[in-house]
C-alpha atoms as a PDB file:
ATOM      1  CA  UNK A   1      -6.675   2.727  -4.859  1.00  0.00           C
ATOM      2  CA  UNK A   2      -3.266   1.874  -3.400  1.00  0.00           C
ATOM      3  CA  UNK A   3      -3.598  -0.577  -0.526  1.00  0.00           C
ATOM      4  CA  UNK A   4      -1.605  -0.562   2.679  1.00  0.00           C
ATOM      5  CA  UNK A   5       1.509  -2.301   1.363  1.00  0.00           C
ATOM      6  CA  UNK A   6       2.099   0.403  -1.261  1.00  0.00           C
ATOM      7  CA  UNK A   7       1.816   3.253   1.228  1.00  0.00           C
ATOM      8  CA  UNK A   8       4.288   1.574   3.581  1.00  0.00           C
ATOM      9  CA  UNK A   9       6.705   1.182   0.674  1.00  0.00           C
ATOM     10  CA  UNK A  10       6.355   4.877  -0.157  1.00  0.00           C
ATOM     11  CA  UNK A  11       7.044   5.793   3.470  1.00  0.00           C
ATOM     12  CA  UNK A  12      10.181   3.622   3.364  1.00  0.00           C
ATOM     13  CA  UNK A  13      11.247   5.421   0.211  1.00  0.00           C
ATOM     14  CA  UNK A  14      11.004   8.750   2.013  1.00  0.00           C
ATOM     15  CA  UNK A  15      12.797   7.365   5.062  1.00  0.00           C
ATOM     16  CA  UNK A  16      15.685   6.164   2.906  1.00  0.00           C
ATOM     17  CA  UNK A  17      16.042   9.226   0.693  1.00  0.00           C
ATOM     18  CA  UNK A  18      14.507  12.291   2.359  1.00  0.00           C
ATOM     19  CA  UNK A  19      14.646  11.921   6.142  1.00  0.00           C
ATOM     20  CA  UNK A  20      17.620  13.858   7.496  1.00  0.00           C
ATOM     21  CA  UNK A  21      17.674  16.200   4.496  1.00  0.00           C
ATOM     22  CA  UNK A  22      16.538  19.800   4.171  1.00  0.00           C
ATOM     23  CA  UNK A  23      13.558  19.877   1.811  1.00  0.00           C
ATOM     24  CA  UNK A  24      12.317  22.608  -0.494  1.00  0.00           C
ATOM     25  CA  UNK A  25       8.526  22.297  -0.603  1.00  0.00           C
ATOM     26  CA  UNK A  26       6.484  23.876  -3.374  1.00  0.00           C
ATOM     27  CA  UNK A  27       3.164  23.500  -5.157  1.00  0.00           C
ATOM     28  CA  UNK A  28       3.672  23.697  -8.936  1.00  0.00           C
ATOM     29  CA  UNK A  29      -0.091  23.685  -9.572  1.00  0.00           C
ATOM     30  CA  UNK A  30      -0.639  26.233  -6.808  1.00  0.00           C
ATOM     31  CA  UNK A  31      -3.355  24.460  -4.801  1.00  0.00           C
ATOM     32  CA  UNK A  32      -1.029  23.677  -1.898  1.00  0.00           C
ATOM     33  CA  UNK A  33       0.999  26.882  -1.958  1.00  0.00           C
ATOM     34  CA  UNK A  34      -0.075  28.250   1.442  1.00  0.00           C
ATOM     35  CA  UNK A  35       0.599  25.014   3.337  1.00  0.00           C
ATOM     36  CA  UNK A  36       3.853  24.472   1.429  1.00  0.00           C
ATOM     37  CA  UNK A  37       5.324  27.633   2.969  1.00  0.00           C
ATOM     38  CA  UNK A  38       4.786  26.177   6.469  1.00  0.00           C
ATOM     39  CA  UNK A  39       7.274  23.334   5.905  1.00  0.00           C
ATOM     40  CA  UNK A  40       9.438  24.734   3.099  1.00  0.00           C
ATOM     41  CA  UNK A  41      13.145  24.711   3.922  1.00  0.00           C
ATOM     42  CA  UNK A  42      12.849  22.433   6.930  1.00  0.00           C
ATOM     43  CA  UNK A  43      14.572  19.100   7.555  1.00  0.00           C
ATOM     44  CA  UNK A  44      12.410  15.994   7.234  1.00  0.00           C
ATOM     45  CA  UNK A  45      12.755  14.031  10.467  1.00  0.00           C
ATOM     46  CA  UNK A  46      10.361  11.091  10.104  1.00  0.00           C
ATOM     47  CA  UNK A  47       8.263   9.202   7.566  1.00  0.00           C
ATOM     48  CA  UNK A  48       5.593   6.719   8.548  1.00  0.00           C
ATOM     49  CA  UNK A  49       2.439   5.093   7.231  1.00  0.00           C
ATOM     50  CA  UNK A  50      -0.692   3.941   9.001  1.00  0.00           C
ATOM     51  CA  UNK A  51      -2.979   2.007   6.703  1.00  0.00           C
ATOM     52  CA  UNK A  52      -3.520   4.017   3.535  1.00  0.00           C
ATOM     53  CA  UNK A  53      -2.270   7.291   5.011  1.00  0.00           C
ATOM     54  CA  UNK A  54       1.276   8.612   5.140  1.00  0.00           C
ATOM     55  CA  UNK A  55       2.777  11.171   7.501  1.00  0.00           C
ATOM     56  CA  UNK A  56       6.025  13.110   6.929  1.00  0.00           C
ATOM     57  CA  UNK A  57       7.454  15.023   9.904  1.00  0.00           C
ATOM     58  CA  UNK A  58       9.606  18.164   9.725  1.00  0.00           C
ATOM     59  CA  UNK A  59      11.958  19.726  12.255  1.00  0.00           C
ATOM     60  CA  UNK A  60       9.509  22.536  13.092  1.00  0.00           C
ATOM     61  CA  UNK A  61       7.094  19.966  14.549  1.00  0.00           C
ATOM     62  CA  UNK A  62       4.678  19.997  11.622  1.00  0.00           C
ATOM     63  CA  UNK A  63       3.616  16.988   9.570  1.00  0.00           C
ATOM     64  CA  UNK A  64       2.560  16.558   5.946  1.00  0.00           C
ATOM     65  CA  UNK A  65      -0.379  14.126   5.784  1.00  0.00           C
ATOM     66  CA  UNK A  66      -1.148  12.450   2.451  1.00  0.00           C
ATOM     67  CA  UNK A  67      -3.972  10.086   1.516  1.00  0.00           C
ATOM     68  CA  UNK A  68      -3.601   9.028  -2.118  1.00  0.00           C
ATOM     69  CA  UNK A  69      -7.205   7.886  -2.563  1.00  0.00           C
ATOM     70  CA  UNK A  70      -8.285   6.597  -5.975  1.00  0.00           C
ATOM     71  CA  UNK A  71      -6.173   8.849  -8.171  1.00  0.00           C
ATOM     72  CA  UNK A  72      -3.155   9.949  -6.164  1.00  0.00           C
ATOM     73  CA  UNK A  73       0.403   8.935  -7.069  1.00  0.00           C
ATOM     74  CA  UNK A  74       3.972   9.812  -6.174  1.00  0.00           C
ATOM     75  CA  UNK A  75       6.763  10.072  -8.749  1.00  0.00           C
ATOM     76  CA  UNK A  76      10.374   9.965  -7.576  1.00  0.00           C
ATOM     77  CA  UNK A  77      13.398  11.179  -9.514  1.00  0.00           C
ATOM     78  CA  UNK A  78      17.056  11.816  -8.879  1.00  0.00           C
ATOM     79  CA  UNK A  79      19.788   9.816  -7.187  1.00  0.00           C
ATOM     80  CA  UNK A  80      17.328   7.559  -5.396  1.00  0.00           C
ATOM     81  CA  UNK A  81      18.894   4.813  -3.324  1.00  0.00           C
ATOM     82  CA  UNK A  82      17.359   1.431  -2.658  1.00  0.00           C
ATOM     83  CA  UNK A  83      15.398   1.166   0.566  1.00  0.00           C
ATOM     84  CA  UNK A  84      17.802  -0.865   2.756  1.00  0.00           C
ATOM     85  CA  UNK A  85      14.945  -2.504   4.646  1.00  0.00           C
ATOM     86  CA  UNK A  86      13.769  -4.325   1.517  1.00  0.00           C
ATOM     87  CA  UNK A  87      17.054  -4.872  -0.277  1.00  0.00           C
ATOM     88  CA  UNK A  88      18.828  -8.179  -0.533  1.00  0.00           C
ATOM     89  CA  UNK A  89      22.458  -8.677   0.425  1.00  0.00           C
ATOM     90  CA  UNK A  90      23.683  -8.371  -3.162  1.00  0.00           C
ATOM     91  CA  UNK A  91      22.233  -4.877  -3.515  1.00  0.00           C
ATOM     92  CA  UNK A  92      19.141  -5.826  -5.516  1.00  0.00           C
ATOM     93  CA  UNK A  93      15.618  -5.395  -4.288  1.00  0.00           C
ATOM     94  CA  UNK A  94      14.719  -8.523  -2.374  1.00  0.00           C
ATOM     95  CA  UNK A  95      11.726 -10.484  -3.621  1.00  0.00           C
ATOM     96  CA  UNK A  96      10.995 -12.422  -0.446  1.00  0.00           C
ATOM     97  CA  UNK A  97       8.326 -15.036  -0.996  1.00  0.00           C
ATOM     98  CA  UNK A  98       6.255 -17.037   1.453  1.00  0.00           C
ATOM     99  CA  UNK A  99       8.928 -19.713   1.661  1.00  0.00           C
ATOM    100  CA  UNK A 100      11.470 -17.204   2.930  1.00  0.00           C
ATOM    101  CA  UNK A 101      13.847 -17.459  -0.029  1.00  0.00           C
ATOM    102  CA  UNK A 102      15.339 -14.542  -1.971  1.00  0.00           C
ATOM    103  CA  UNK A 103      14.910 -14.637  -5.724  1.00  0.00           C
ATOM    104  CA  UNK A 104      16.050 -12.164  -8.352  1.00  0.00           C
ATOM    105  CA  UNK A 105      13.565  -9.323  -8.875  1.00  0.00           C
ATOM    106  CA  UNK A 106      10.571 -10.299 -11.004  1.00  0.00           C
ATOM    107  CA  UNK A 107       8.864  -7.358 -12.673  1.00  0.00           C
ATOM    108  CA  UNK A 108       5.092  -7.421 -12.909  1.00  0.00           C
ATOM    109  CA  UNK A 109       3.778  -7.045 -16.463  1.00  0.00           C
ATOM    110  CA  UNK A 110       1.134  -4.535 -15.317  1.00  0.00           C
ATOM    111  CA  UNK A 111       3.619  -2.452 -13.336  1.00  0.00           C
ATOM    112  CA  UNK A 112       2.302  -3.415  -9.910  1.00  0.00           C
ATOM    113  CA  UNK A 113       5.670  -3.916  -8.269  1.00  0.00           C
ATOM    114  CA  UNK A 114       9.337  -3.086  -8.354  1.00  0.00           C
ATOM    115  CA  UNK A 115      10.424  -0.108 -10.431  1.00  0.00           C
ATOM    116  CA  UNK A 116       6.945   0.539 -11.800  1.00  0.00           C
ATOM    117  CA  UNK A 117       4.969   0.662  -8.558  1.00  0.00           C
ATOM    118  CA  UNK A 118       4.248   3.943  -6.856  1.00  0.00           C
ATOM    119  CA  UNK A 119       7.032   4.626  -4.450  1.00  0.00           C
ATOM    120  CA  UNK A 120       9.143   1.673  -5.525  1.00  0.00           C
ATOM    121  CA  UNK A 121      12.885   2.150  -4.971  1.00  0.00           C
ATOM    122  CA  UNK A 122      14.896   3.410  -7.931  1.00  0.00           C
ATOM    123  CA  UNK A 123      18.675   3.114  -8.100  1.00  0.00           C
ATOM    124  CA  UNK A 124      19.494   5.720 -10.713  1.00  0.00           C
ATOM    125  CA  UNK A 125      18.291   8.994 -12.038  1.00  0.00           C
ATOM    126  CA  UNK A 126      14.953   7.776 -13.270  1.00  0.00           C
ATOM    127  CA  UNK A 127      11.484   9.176 -13.477  1.00  0.00           C
ATOM    128  CA  UNK A 128       8.104   7.508 -13.979  1.00  0.00           C
ATOM    129  CA  UNK A 129       6.399   9.121 -16.970  1.00  0.00           C
ATOM    130  CA  UNK A 130       2.833  10.118 -16.263  1.00  0.00           C
ATOM    131  CA  UNK A 131       1.016   8.741 -19.298  1.00  0.00           C
ATOM    132  CA  UNK A 132       2.707   5.392 -19.892  1.00  0.00           C
ATOM    133  CA  UNK A 133       3.859   4.860 -16.292  1.00  0.00           C
ATOM    134  CA  UNK A 134       7.259   3.723 -17.519  1.00  0.00           C
ATOM    135  CA  UNK A 135      10.744   4.710 -16.474  1.00  0.00           C
ATOM    136  CA  UNK A 136      12.649   7.327 -18.445  1.00  0.00           C
ATOM    137  CA  UNK A 137      16.164   8.579 -17.859  1.00  0.00           C
ATOM    138  CA  UNK A 138      16.322  12.263 -16.929  1.00  0.00           C
ATOM    139  CA  UNK A 139      18.951  14.555 -18.404  1.00  0.00           C
ATOM    140  CA  UNK A 140      18.830  17.399 -15.877  1.00  0.00           C
ATOM    141  CA  UNK A 141      17.982  17.794 -12.221  1.00  0.00           C
ATOM    142  CA  UNK A 142      15.504  18.645 -10.977  1.00  0.00           C
ATOM    143  CA  UNK A 143      13.276  17.604 -13.879  1.00  0.00           C
ATOM    144  CA  UNK A 144      10.354  19.780 -14.857  1.00  0.00           C
ATOM    145  CA  UNK A 145       7.069  18.805 -13.124  1.00  0.00           C
ATOM    146  CA  UNK A 146       4.799  16.624 -15.235  1.00  0.00           C
ATOM    147  CA  UNK A 147       1.040  17.109 -14.988  1.00  0.00           C
ATOM    148  CA  UNK A 148      -0.819  18.721 -12.107  1.00  0.00           C
ATOM    149  CA  UNK A 149       1.728  18.375  -9.304  1.00  0.00           C
ATOM    150  CA  UNK A 150       0.083  19.277  -6.001  1.00  0.00           C
ATOM    151  CA  UNK A 151       3.306  19.085  -3.957  1.00  0.00           C
ATOM    152  CA  UNK A 152       6.965  18.883  -4.883  1.00  0.00           C
ATOM    153  CA  UNK A 153       9.506  17.827  -2.237  1.00  0.00           C
ATOM    154  CA  UNK A 154      13.068  18.583  -3.345  1.00  0.00           C
ATOM    155  CA  UNK A 155      16.471  17.912  -1.789  1.00  0.00           C
ATOM    156  CA  UNK A 156      19.910  18.372  -3.345  1.00  0.00           C
ATOM    157  CA  UNK A 157      19.723  14.904  -4.902  1.00  0.00           C
ATOM    158  CA  UNK A 158      16.110  13.707  -4.947  1.00  0.00           C
ATOM    159  CA  UNK A 159      12.645  14.929  -5.835  1.00  0.00           C
ATOM    160  CA  UNK A 160       9.171  13.557  -5.122  1.00  0.00           C
ATOM    161  CA  UNK A 161       6.096  14.863  -6.958  1.00  0.00           C
ATOM    162  CA  UNK A 162       2.557  14.218  -5.724  1.00  0.00           C
ATOM    163  CA  UNK A 163      -0.453  14.339  -8.021  1.00  0.00           C
ATOM    164  CA  UNK A 164      -4.162  13.794  -7.448  1.00  0.00           C
ATOM    165  CA  UNK A 165      -4.346  12.934  -3.739  1.00  0.00           C
ATOM    166  CA  UNK A 166      -7.622  12.708  -1.837  1.00  0.00           C
ATOM    167  CA  UNK A 167      -6.032  14.475   1.132  1.00  0.00           C
ATOM    168  CA  UNK A 168      -2.904  16.604   1.409  1.00  0.00           C
ATOM    169  CA  UNK A 169      -2.484  18.899   4.393  1.00  0.00           C
ATOM    170  CA  UNK A 170      -0.044  20.175   6.996  1.00  0.00           C
ATOM    171  CA  UNK A 171      -0.952  19.212  10.566  1.00  0.00           C
ATOM    172  CA  UNK A 172       0.427  19.770  14.032  1.00  0.00           C
ATOM    173  CA  UNK A 173       1.189  16.764  16.285  1.00  0.00           C
ATOM    174  CA  UNK A 174      -2.180  16.855  18.059  1.00  0.00           C
ATOM    175  CA  UNK A 175      -3.999  16.823  14.731  1.00  0.00           C
ATOM    176  CA  UNK A 176      -1.892  13.878  13.534  1.00  0.00           C
ATOM    177  CA  UNK A 177      -2.707  11.972  16.709  1.00  0.00           C
ATOM    178  CA  UNK A 178      -6.418  12.678  16.176  1.00  0.00           C
ATOM    179  CA  UNK A 179      -6.300  11.307  12.611  1.00  0.00           C
ATOM    180  CA  UNK A 180      -4.448   8.154  13.660  1.00  0.00           C
ATOM    181  CA  UNK A 181      -6.778   7.600  16.616  1.00  0.00           C
ATOM    182  CA  UNK A 182      -9.659   7.158  14.180  1.00  0.00           C
ATOM    183  CA  UNK A 183      -7.852   4.416  12.262  1.00  0.00           C
ATOM    184  CA  UNK A 184      -8.053   0.714  12.973  1.00  0.00           C
ATOM    185  CA  UNK A 185      -4.920  -1.311  13.810  1.00  0.00           C
ATOM    186  CA  UNK A 186      -2.213  -1.703  11.181  1.00  0.00           C
ATOM    187  CA  UNK A 187      -0.026  -4.838  11.432  1.00  0.00           C
ATOM    188  CA  UNK A 188       3.010  -2.959  10.116  1.00  0.00           C
ATOM    189  CA  UNK A 189       2.660  -0.575  13.037  1.00  0.00           C
ATOM    190  CA  UNK A 190       1.556  -3.106  15.648  1.00  0.00           C
ATOM    191  CA  UNK A 191       1.024  -6.827  15.049  1.00  0.00           C
ATOM    192  CA  UNK A 192       0.939  -7.690  18.757  1.00  0.00           C
ATOM    193  CA  UNK A 193      -1.849  -9.212  20.844  1.00  0.00           C
ATOM    194  CA  UNK A 194      -3.447  -5.868  21.730  1.00  0.00           C
ATOM    195  CA  UNK A 195      -3.918  -4.976  18.062  1.00  0.00           C
ATOM    196  CA  UNK A 196      -5.440  -8.397  17.380  1.00  0.00           C
ATOM    197  CA  UNK A 197      -7.792  -8.070  20.341  1.00  0.00           C
ATOM    198  CA  UNK A 198      -8.895  -4.635  19.195  1.00  0.00           C
ATOM    199  CA  UNK A 199      -9.729  -5.966  15.735  1.00  0.00           C
ATOM    200  CA  UNK A 200     -11.545  -9.028  17.070  1.00  0.00           C
ATOM    201  CA  UNK A 201     -13.513  -6.973  19.590  1.00  0.00           C
ATOM    202  CA  UNK A 202     -14.748  -4.497  16.981  1.00  0.00           C
ATOM    203  CA  UNK A 203     -15.695  -7.119  14.391  1.00  0.00           C
ATOM    204  CA  UNK A 204     -17.441  -9.411  16.881  1.00  0.00           C
ATOM    205  CA  UNK A 205     -19.914  -6.741  17.984  1.00  0.00           C
ATOM    206  CA  UNK A 206     -20.848  -5.355  14.558  1.00  0.00           C
ATOM    207  CA  UNK A 207     -23.987  -6.349  12.588  1.00  0.00           C
ATOM    208  CA  UNK A 208     -22.296  -5.139   9.377  1.00  0.00           C
ATOM    209  CA  UNK A 209     -21.156  -7.765   6.871  1.00  0.00           C
ATOM    210  CA  UNK A 210     -17.571  -8.927   7.285  1.00  0.00           C
ATOM    211  CA  UNK A 211     -16.820  -7.853   3.703  1.00  0.00           C
ATOM    212  CA  UNK A 212     -17.710  -4.247   4.529  1.00  0.00           C
ATOM    213  CA  UNK A 213     -15.935  -4.349   7.890  1.00  0.00           C
ATOM    214  CA  UNK A 214     -12.636  -5.364   6.303  1.00  0.00           C
ATOM    215  CA  UNK A 215     -12.815  -2.285   4.069  1.00  0.00           C
ATOM    216  CA  UNK A 216     -13.676   0.030   6.963  1.00  0.00           C
ATOM    217  CA  UNK A 217     -10.444   1.827   7.870  1.00  0.00           C
ATOM    218  CA  UNK A 218     -11.714   2.491  11.385  1.00  0.00           C
ATOM    219  CA  UNK A 219     -11.907  -1.284  11.929  1.00  0.00           C
ATOM    220  CA  UNK A 220      -8.603  -2.317  10.361  1.00  0.00           C
ATOM    221  CA  UNK A 221      -6.101  -0.230   8.418  1.00  0.00           C
ATOM    222  CA  UNK A 222      -4.798  -0.831   4.935  1.00  0.00           C
ATOM    223  CA  UNK A 223      -7.144  -3.447   3.467  1.00  0.00           C
ATOM    224  CA  UNK A 224      -8.560  -2.596   0.052  1.00  0.00           C
ATOM    225  CA  UNK A 225     -10.566  -4.438  -2.551  1.00  0.00           C
ATOM    226  CA  UNK A 226      -7.888  -6.954  -3.521  1.00  0.00           C
ATOM    227  CA  UNK A 227      -6.850  -7.981  -0.043  1.00  0.00           C
ATOM    228  CA  UNK A 228     -10.485  -8.039   1.109  1.00  0.00           C
ATOM    229  CA  UNK A 229     -11.501 -10.586  -1.520  1.00  0.00           C
ATOM    230  CA  UNK A 230      -8.416 -12.718  -1.042  1.00  0.00           C
ATOM    231  CA  UNK A 231      -8.496 -12.756   2.762  1.00  0.00           C
ATOM    232  CA  UNK A 232     -12.127 -13.874   2.780  1.00  0.00           C
ATOM    233  CA  UNK A 233     -11.482 -16.638   0.289  1.00  0.00           C
ATOM    234  CA  UNK A 234      -8.411 -17.869   2.142  1.00  0.00           C
ATOM    235  CA  UNK A 235     -10.581 -18.061   5.272  1.00  0.00           C
ATOM    236  CA  UNK A 236     -13.418 -19.725   3.282  1.00  0.00           C
ATOM    237  CA  UNK A 237     -15.671 -17.071   4.809  1.00  0.00           C
ATOM    238  CA  UNK A 238     -18.978 -15.936   3.307  1.00  0.00           C
ATOM    239  CA  UNK A 239     -18.527 -12.192   2.709  1.00  0.00           C
ATOM    240  CA  UNK A 240     -22.137 -11.391   3.668  1.00  0.00           C
ATOM    241  CA  UNK A 241     -21.975 -12.845   7.188  1.00  0.00           C
ATOM    242  CA  UNK A 242     -22.431 -10.145   9.859  1.00  0.00           C
ATOM    243  CA  UNK A 243     -19.242  -9.563  11.796  1.00  0.00           C
ATOM    244  CA  UNK A 244     -20.843 -10.575  15.083  1.00  0.00           C
ATOM    245  CA  UNK A 245     -21.773 -13.964  13.595  1.00  0.00           C
ATOM    246  CA  UNK A 246     -18.334 -14.794  12.247  1.00  0.00           C
ATOM    247  CA  UNK A 247     -16.706 -17.354  14.573  1.00  0.00           C
ATOM    248  CA  UNK A 248     -14.061 -15.814  16.797  1.00  0.00           C
ATOM    249  CA  UNK A 249     -11.437 -18.266  15.542  1.00  0.00           C
ATOM    250  CA  UNK A 250     -12.133 -17.098  11.988  1.00  0.00           C
ATOM    251  CA  UNK A 251     -11.864 -13.422  12.929  1.00  0.00           C
ATOM    252  CA  UNK A 252      -8.515 -14.102  14.590  1.00  0.00           C
ATOM    253  CA  UNK A 253      -7.381 -16.058  11.539  1.00  0.00           C
ATOM    254  CA  UNK A 254      -8.319 -13.114   9.299  1.00  0.00           C
ATOM    255  CA  UNK A 255      -6.183 -10.761  11.365  1.00  0.00           C
ATOM    256  CA  UNK A 256      -3.198 -13.115  11.403  1.00  0.00           C
ATOM    257  CA  UNK A 257      -3.496 -13.703   7.679  1.00  0.00           C
ATOM    258  CA  UNK A 258      -3.545  -9.945   7.137  1.00  0.00           C
ATOM    259  CA  UNK A 259      -0.315  -9.684   9.158  1.00  0.00           C
ATOM    260  CA  UNK A 260       1.165 -12.351   6.875  1.00  0.00           C
ATOM    261  CA  UNK A 261      -0.037 -10.953   3.525  1.00  0.00           C
ATOM    262  CA  UNK A 262       0.779  -7.337   4.342  1.00  0.00           C
ATOM    263  CA  UNK A 263       4.351  -8.293   5.206  1.00  0.00           C
ATOM    264  CA  UNK A 264       4.708 -10.033   1.844  1.00  0.00           C
ATOM    265  CA  UNK A 265       3.202  -7.031   0.050  1.00  0.00           C
ATOM    266  CA  UNK A 266       5.615  -4.601   1.692  1.00  0.00           C
ATOM    267  CA  UNK A 267       8.599  -6.824   0.913  1.00  0.00           C
ATOM    268  CA  UNK A 268       7.749  -7.638  -2.702  1.00  0.00           C
ATOM    269  CA  UNK A 269       5.604  -4.709  -3.848  1.00  0.00           C
ATOM    270  CA  UNK A 270       2.929  -7.148  -5.011  1.00  0.00           C
ATOM    271  CA  UNK A 271      -0.294  -8.375  -3.491  1.00  0.00           C
ATOM    272  CA  UNK A 272       0.776 -12.025  -3.609  1.00  0.00           C
ATOM    273  CA  UNK A 273      -2.000 -14.061  -1.996  1.00  0.00           C
ATOM    274  CA  UNK A 274      -1.233 -17.640  -3.057  1.00  0.00           C
ATOM    275  CA  UNK A 275       0.976 -19.727  -0.786  1.00  0.00           C
ATOM    276  CA  UNK A 276       3.045 -22.873  -1.260  1.00  0.00           C
ATOM    277  CA  UNK A 277       3.907 -22.292  -4.915  1.00  0.00           C
ATOM    278  CA  UNK A 278       6.880 -24.032  -6.485  1.00  0.00           C
ATOM    279  CA  UNK A 279       9.559 -21.776  -7.974  1.00  0.00           C
ATOM    280  CA  UNK A 280       8.129 -21.861 -11.497  1.00  0.00           C
ATOM    281  CA  UNK A 281       4.588 -21.084 -10.331  1.00  0.00           C
ATOM    282  CA  UNK A 282       5.890 -18.361  -8.015  1.00  0.00           C
ATOM    283  CA  UNK A 283       7.768 -16.614 -10.810  1.00  0.00           C
ATOM    284  CA  UNK A 284       4.701 -16.862 -13.044  1.00  0.00           C
ATOM    285  CA  UNK A 285       2.503 -15.389 -10.334  1.00  0.00           C
ATOM    286  CA  UNK A 286       4.923 -12.561  -9.584  1.00  0.00           C
ATOM    287  CA  UNK A 287       4.963 -11.655 -13.275  1.00  0.00           C
ATOM    288  CA  UNK A 288       1.191 -11.598 -13.766  1.00  0.00           C
ATOM    289  CA  UNK A 289      -1.763 -10.872 -11.498  1.00  0.00           C
ATOM    290  CA  UNK A 290      -3.804 -13.432 -13.437  1.00  0.00           C
ATOM    291  CA  UNK A 291      -1.709 -16.119 -11.747  1.00  0.00           C
ATOM    292  CA  UNK A 292      -1.420 -14.431  -8.345  1.00  0.00           C
ATOM    293  CA  UNK A 293      -4.898 -14.339  -6.824  1.00  0.00           C
ATOM    294  CA  UNK A 294      -7.593 -16.828  -5.838  1.00  0.00           C
ATOM    295  CA  UNK A 295     -10.712 -14.822  -6.714  1.00  0.00           C
ATOM    296  CA  UNK A 296      -9.920 -11.142  -7.364  1.00  0.00           C
ATOM    297  CA  UNK A 297     -10.955 -10.115 -10.904  1.00  0.00           C
ATOM    298  CA  UNK A 298     -11.707 -13.742 -11.772  1.00  0.00           C
ATOM    299  CA  UNK A 299     -15.466 -13.373 -12.209  1.00  0.00           C
ATOM    300  CA  UNK A 300     -16.863 -16.045 -14.517  1.00  0.00           C
ATOM    301  CA  UNK A 301     -13.688 -18.129 -14.260  1.00  0.00           C
ATOM    302  CA  UNK A 302     -13.621 -21.459 -12.423  1.00  0.00           C
ATOM    303  CA  UNK A 303     -12.616 -21.422  -8.775  1.00  0.00           C
ATOM    304  CA  UNK A 304      -9.077 -22.727  -8.396  1.00  0.00           C
ATOM    305  CA  UNK A 305     -10.328 -25.102  -5.669  1.00  0.00           C
ATOM    306  CA  UNK A 306     -13.821 -26.325  -6.551  1.00  0.00           C
ATOM    307  CA  UNK A 307     -14.314 -25.289 -10.194  1.00  0.00           C
ATOM    308  CA  UNK A 308     -17.444 -23.198  -9.561  1.00  0.00           C
ATOM    309  CA  UNK A 309     -17.488 -19.900 -11.430  1.00  0.00           C
ATOM    310  CA  UNK A 310     -16.314 -16.958  -9.341  1.00  0.00           C
ATOM    311  CA  UNK A 311     -19.033 -14.364  -8.685  1.00  0.00           C
ATOM    312  CA  UNK A 312     -18.657 -10.590  -8.839  1.00  0.00           C
ATOM    313  CA  UNK A 313     -21.210  -8.268  -7.234  1.00  0.00           C
ATOM    314  CA  UNK A 314     -21.453  -4.679  -6.073  1.00  0.00           C
ATOM    315  CA  UNK A 315     -21.238  -4.148  -2.327  1.00  0.00           C
ATOM    316  CA  UNK A 316     -20.860  -0.765  -0.723  1.00  0.00           C
ATOM    317  CA  UNK A 317     -20.000   0.785  -4.056  1.00  0.00           C
ATOM    318  CA  UNK A 318     -17.083  -1.583  -4.689  1.00  0.00           C
ATOM    319  CA  UNK A 319     -16.729  -4.863  -6.570  1.00  0.00           C
ATOM    320  CA  UNK A 320     -16.740  -7.987  -4.442  1.00  0.00           C
ATOM    321  CA  UNK A 321     -15.305 -11.261  -5.788  1.00  0.00           C
ATOM    322  CA  UNK A 322     -16.017 -14.591  -4.111  1.00  0.00           C
ATOM    323  CA  UNK A 323     -16.751 -18.286  -4.612  1.00  0.00           C
ATOM    324  CA  UNK A 324     -20.367 -19.194  -3.798  1.00  0.00           C
ATOM    325  CA  UNK A 325     -19.396 -22.793  -2.974  1.00  0.00           C
ATOM    326  CA  UNK A 326     -16.141 -22.555  -1.019  1.00  0.00           C
ATOM    327  CA  UNK A 327     -17.407 -19.462   0.776  1.00  0.00           C
ATOM    328  CA  UNK A 328     -21.016 -20.570   1.189  1.00  0.00           C
END
C-alpha cells in the first residue's frame, strides 16, 4: 500500500500539471461513469493529500476523493512537467538527502522512486506500462487506456488513469471536511505544536500497542508498514508497549521523526530511513531497499546495531519487523 509520501507526490503531480486546466473526466471501465459526469468538463482548482487520501477540487465546488489502498495506482502520460516543488535548480528532480545536499537522481532498482514510482514526475511523453511497470514512449495522445481504468482525467496535454482504488468518489465540501476530520494529523499538512500535541494526547491515553496505533489513520496520517517498523526501531521502542505506557518524550520523538522522514520521502520518492550515510552509502541505499532500512523486510538477518536476528511477526493482519534486543 502506498504510504503518505507517495500520495503527497501524486497530489503535487496534479497541482503541477492539472490544476488550472479544464479536465475531461470519464470512466473507461464504466464503474465510475455516474460520478464522472458530475465533474466532467470542469476546471481543476486544487489538489491536496492528507495521509493516504487525495482530494482534487473542481470549479463547481465538488471534489474527487481517492484512496489507493492495496492495489490502486495512477499512471500519467503526456507532456508532463516536473513538479517545481521537488525539482533542483538545474531542472532535474532533486534527490535531497538528510544532509541537505542535492545529488543527481538515483533510480531505485525496484522502481520505488523517481520515474517508476506512482505519481512520480515525468518530463516527456511517457507512460508507465501496467505489467512491467516500466516507462514506454507513446506515439499518439491520448493513449488508449490500459487495464481496468476506473477514472481517466484528461486535459489538452496530460492524462492520468486510475486503476484499482479502495475508494473513489465525488464529494461536496462538507463531506470532504467530514472525511478529513476523522484522520489523524499529517506533518505535510501541519507539523506545528498543535498537531504534535494532538498525536501525543491520543497515544498517551490508549491501551492499544504503539505498533497498532502508528498504523491507525485516525491517530496519525500516512504511516504504513515500512515507516511503522523503521520509526519504532529508530526510537528503540518495543512495538508491543501500550501507547499509554510509552514515555511522553518517546511519543514526541516519534512524531518529530515522522515529520523528518515524511519530508525526505516526499522529496526523494523513497522511504529512506537511515541517517548520516556517507555519499557512497547514500547512493547505494537510494538504489536498493536492502541497503535503505534498519529492520523492514530483514527478518532473519542480523540487526545492523546489535547483530541479533530481526524478528517478523503478524500483528493486526500486517507484518511487523523489529529487533528483540534493541527494542526490548
